[in-house]
């Protein structure tokens, strides 16, 4: 586990977004708004039966691939062509939906998302879960944070843990990787304006 903790930095967002564009040929934009408010020291790293923490020499994709609770995420990253992007130096913070989170999507949505014709939609969803910079749980601040998708997620520590968009909760924080950190979440985040009904 890293001892050095970093807040989200927005200076490198454009470069990270460009990397994602090169890897998956989808459009994204950057934002420069900064979150404000207090940090939450109450969220300590915890163990999860389905998530181990391999040596930090593994990158984000390697860590996710080594754990039984994130196999669906890895499959989705492969289908979207984002594996190489998340193997880049980063650092990145990934709010990673568990297998159960993906399974909770409306019936048929996941099956459609991994189809080639929906690659752009899948890429939009997955990059909406990635923030530029490495942010440990204790360093999360309340407020909007831009994602590599281009729109912002809203983080909150009001209830003694980290929640995203008032819908997803971090269930296992601070899973270390060589190029960032993973926080497992219990809900798949859908970007504003995304309509699953439009999937073919």
Protein backbone atom coordinates (compact mmCIF):
# COMPACT_ATOMS: atom_id res chain seq x y z
CA UNK A 1 0.00 0.00 0.00
CA UNK A 2 1.33 3.40 -0.87
CA UNK A 3 2.04 5.89 1.87
CA UNK A 4 2.21 8.83 -0.49
CA UNK A 5 -1.23 10.12 -1.20
CA UNK A 6 -2.11 12.58 -3.92
CA UNK A 7 -5.14 14.66 -4.64
CA UNK A 8 -6.70 14.86 -8.06
CA UNK A 9 -4.61 17.02 -10.35
CA UNK A 10 -6.28 18.55 -13.32
CA UNK A 11 -3.27 19.90 -15.21
CA UNK A 12 -2.63 16.53 -16.85
CA UNK A 13 -6.27 15.78 -17.68
CA UNK A 14 -5.99 16.86 -21.29
CA UNK A 15 -2.96 14.63 -21.83
CA UNK A 16 -4.65 11.66 -20.19
CA UNK A 17 -7.77 12.24 -22.25
CA UNK A 18 -5.67 12.39 -25.40
CA UNK A 19 -4.16 9.04 -24.46
CA UNK A 20 -7.60 7.56 -24.06
CA UNK A 21 -8.67 9.00 -27.41
CA UNK A 22 -5.66 7.42 -29.07
CA UNK A 23 -6.43 4.08 -27.50
CA UNK A 24 -10.12 3.89 -28.24
CA UNK A 25 -10.86 6.54 -30.90
CA UNK A 26 -13.75 8.04 -29.00
CA UNK A 27 -14.44 11.64 -28.19
CA UNK A 28 -13.99 13.18 -24.76
CA UNK A 29 -13.44 16.64 -23.36
CA UNK A 30 -11.76 18.04 -20.28
CA UNK A 31 -12.95 20.17 -17.41
CA UNK A 32 -10.98 22.36 -15.07
CA UNK A 33 -13.36 22.72 -12.14
CA UNK A 34 -11.87 21.74 -8.80
CA UNK A 35 -13.61 20.01 -5.91
CA UNK A 36 -13.82 21.71 -2.56
CA UNK A 37 -14.57 20.77 1.04
CA UNK A 38 -13.16 18.55 3.73
CA UNK A 39 -11.50 15.18 3.51
CA UNK A 40 -12.80 12.08 5.20
CA UNK A 41 -10.33 10.25 7.45
CA UNK A 42 -12.97 7.72 8.42
CA UNK A 43 -12.59 5.59 5.31
CA UNK A 44 -9.69 3.27 5.97
CA UNK A 45 -8.57 0.60 3.52
CA UNK A 46 -10.41 -2.64 4.06
CA UNK A 47 -10.21 -6.18 2.79
CA UNK A 48 -12.79 -7.75 0.54
CA UNK A 49 -13.26 -11.49 0.01
CA UNK A 50 -13.26 -10.92 -3.75
CA UNK A 51 -10.46 -8.38 -4.01
CA UNK A 52 -6.84 -8.96 -3.10
CA UNK A 53 -4.08 -6.42 -3.41
CA UNK A 54 -1.21 -7.78 -5.52
CA UNK A 55 2.22 -6.18 -5.48
CA UNK A 56 2.15 -2.62 -6.70
CA UNK A 57 4.29 -3.63 -9.68
CA UNK A 58 1.00 -4.63 -11.37
CA UNK A 59 -0.80 -1.89 -13.29
CA UNK A 60 -4.52 -1.19 -12.95
CA UNK A 61 -5.49 -3.76 -15.58
CA UNK A 62 -3.19 -6.36 -14.03
CA UNK A 63 -4.63 -5.83 -10.56
CA UNK A 64 -8.20 -6.02 -11.87
CA UNK A 65 -7.39 -9.13 -13.91
CA UNK A 66 -5.99 -10.89 -10.85
CA UNK A 67 -9.19 -10.49 -8.84
CA UNK A 68 -12.39 -12.50 -9.11
CA UNK A 69 -14.64 -9.55 -8.26
CA UNK A 70 -13.65 -7.47 -11.30
CA UNK A 71 -13.64 -9.97 -14.17
CA UNK A 72 -16.61 -8.29 -15.85
CA UNK A 73 -14.80 -4.95 -15.75
CA UNK A 74 -11.76 -6.49 -17.43
CA UNK A 75 -13.95 -8.03 -20.13
CA UNK A 76 -15.55 -4.63 -20.70
CA UNK A 77 -12.16 -2.90 -20.90
CA UNK A 78 -11.07 -5.41 -23.52
CA UNK A 79 -14.27 -4.94 -25.54
CA UNK A 80 -13.82 -1.15 -25.45
CA UNK A 81 -10.15 -1.30 -26.39
CA UNK A 82 -9.13 0.52 -23.20
CA UNK A 83 -6.64 -2.00 -21.79
CA UNK A 84 -3.61 -0.22 -23.24
CA UNK A 85 -4.86 3.17 -22.06
CA UNK A 86 -5.12 1.96 -18.45
CA UNK A 87 -1.68 0.38 -18.65
CA UNK A 88 -0.16 3.82 -19.33
CA UNK A 89 1.94 5.52 -16.60
CA UNK A 90 -0.98 7.62 -15.38
CA UNK A 91 -1.51 7.92 -12.52
CA UNK A 92 -5.23 7.20 -12.59
CA UNK A 93 -7.96 6.69 -10.02
CA UNK A 94 -10.48 4.08 -11.13
CA UNK A 95 -13.87 3.69 -9.48
CA UNK A 96 -14.29 0.06 -10.49
CA UNK A 97 -17.74 -1.55 -10.56
CA UNK A 98 -17.76 -5.09 -9.23
CA UNK A 99 -19.25 -8.04 -11.08
CA UNK A 100 -22.39 -7.64 -8.96
CA UNK A 101 -22.64 -3.98 -9.96
CA UNK A 102 -22.57 -4.89 -13.65
CA UNK A 103 -25.09 -7.68 -13.03
CA UNK A 104 -27.47 -5.12 -11.51
CA UNK A 105 -27.76 -3.20 -14.80
CA UNK A 106 -31.15 -3.55 -16.52
CA UNK A 107 -31.62 -6.88 -18.26
CA UNK A 108 -29.76 -7.11 -21.55
CA UNK A 109 -27.77 -3.87 -21.17
CA UNK A 110 -24.42 -5.49 -20.40
CA UNK A 111 -24.79 -8.00 -23.25
CA UNK A 112 -25.44 -5.13 -25.65
CA UNK A 113 -22.62 -2.96 -24.34
CA UNK A 114 -19.93 -5.50 -25.16
CA UNK A 115 -21.10 -5.82 -28.77
CA UNK A 116 -18.83 -4.17 -31.39
CA UNK A 117 -21.56 -1.77 -32.55
CA UNK A 118 -21.78 -0.32 -29.02
CA UNK A 119 -18.05 0.19 -28.47
CA UNK A 120 -18.39 3.98 -28.32
CA UNK A 121 -21.12 3.75 -25.67
CA UNK A 122 -19.10 1.27 -23.61
CA UNK A 123 -16.04 3.49 -23.85
CA UNK A 124 -18.10 6.47 -22.67
CA UNK A 125 -19.30 4.55 -19.61
CA UNK A 126 -15.91 3.12 -18.67
CA UNK A 127 -14.00 6.40 -19.02
CA UNK A 128 -16.68 8.01 -16.83
CA UNK A 129 -15.26 5.85 -14.02
CA UNK A 130 -11.68 7.11 -14.41
CA UNK A 131 -10.18 10.25 -12.90
CA UNK A 132 -6.76 11.67 -13.70
CA UNK A 133 -4.33 11.51 -10.77
CA UNK A 134 -4.09 9.18 -7.80
CA UNK A 135 -6.60 9.86 -5.02
CA UNK A 136 -6.63 7.72 -1.90
CA UNK A 137 -9.86 7.43 0.08
CA UNK A 138 -8.69 9.70 2.89
CA UNK A 139 -7.86 12.42 0.34
CA UNK A 140 -11.27 12.49 -1.36
CA UNK A 141 -12.95 15.89 -1.20
CA UNK A 142 -16.60 16.76 -1.65
CA UNK A 143 -17.57 18.13 -5.02
CA UNK A 144 -17.38 17.58 -8.77
CA UNK A 145 -14.34 15.94 -10.34
CA UNK A 146 -13.80 15.70 -14.11
CA UNK A 147 -13.44 12.23 -15.58
CA UNK A 148 -11.65 11.03 -18.69
CA UNK A 149 -15.08 10.79 -20.33
CA UNK A 150 -15.27 14.58 -20.14
CA UNK A 151 -18.15 15.04 -17.71
CA UNK A 152 -17.78 15.22 -13.95
CA UNK A 153 -18.71 12.84 -11.19
CA UNK A 154 -19.69 14.22 -7.79
CA UNK A 155 -17.87 12.79 -4.79
CA UNK A 156 -19.18 12.94 -1.24
CA UNK A 157 -17.86 11.89 2.15
CA UNK A 158 -20.95 13.02 4.06
CA UNK A 159 -21.96 9.56 5.29
CA UNK A 160 -18.62 8.36 6.61
CA UNK A 161 -17.58 6.76 3.33
CA UNK A 162 -17.08 7.78 -0.26
CA UNK A 163 -20.12 7.93 -2.53
CA UNK A 164 -20.29 8.94 -6.17
CA UNK A 165 -23.24 10.79 -7.72
CA UNK A 166 -25.31 9.84 -4.65
CA UNK A 167 -25.82 6.40 -6.20
CA UNK A 168 -22.59 4.39 -5.96
CA UNK A 169 -20.69 3.61 -2.78
CA UNK A 170 -17.03 2.68 -2.45
CA UNK A 171 -17.04 -0.77 -0.89
CA UNK A 172 -13.28 -1.48 -0.97
CA UNK A 173 -10.98 1.55 -1.11
CA UNK A 174 -7.29 2.01 -1.83
CA UNK A 175 -6.41 -1.05 -3.90
CA UNK A 176 -2.92 -0.15 -5.02
CA UNK A 177 -1.56 -0.42 -8.57
CA UNK A 178 1.72 0.69 -10.12
CA UNK A 179 -0.02 3.41 -12.13
CA UNK A 180 -2.73 4.51 -9.72
CA UNK A 181 -5.37 3.25 -7.34
CA UNK A 182 -8.64 1.32 -7.60
CA UNK A 183 -11.72 1.85 -5.45
CA UNK A 184 -14.37 -0.85 -5.83
CA UNK A 185 -17.92 0.48 -6.14
CA UNK A 186 -21.31 -1.22 -5.91
CA UNK A 187 -23.06 0.51 -8.85
CA UNK A 188 -22.18 1.17 -12.48
CA UNK A 189 -22.08 4.92 -13.12
CA UNK A 190 -23.95 6.07 -16.22
CA UNK A 191 -22.86 9.42 -17.71
CA UNK A 192 -25.50 12.17 -17.78
CA UNK A 193 -27.46 11.94 -20.99
CA UNK A 194 -26.68 8.26 -21.59
CA UNK A 195 -29.79 6.25 -22.43
CA UNK A 196 -29.44 2.44 -22.34
CA UNK A 197 -32.54 2.20 -24.53
CA UNK A 198 -30.52 3.53 -27.46
CA UNK A 199 -28.24 0.48 -27.50
CA UNK A 200 -28.68 -1.82 -30.46
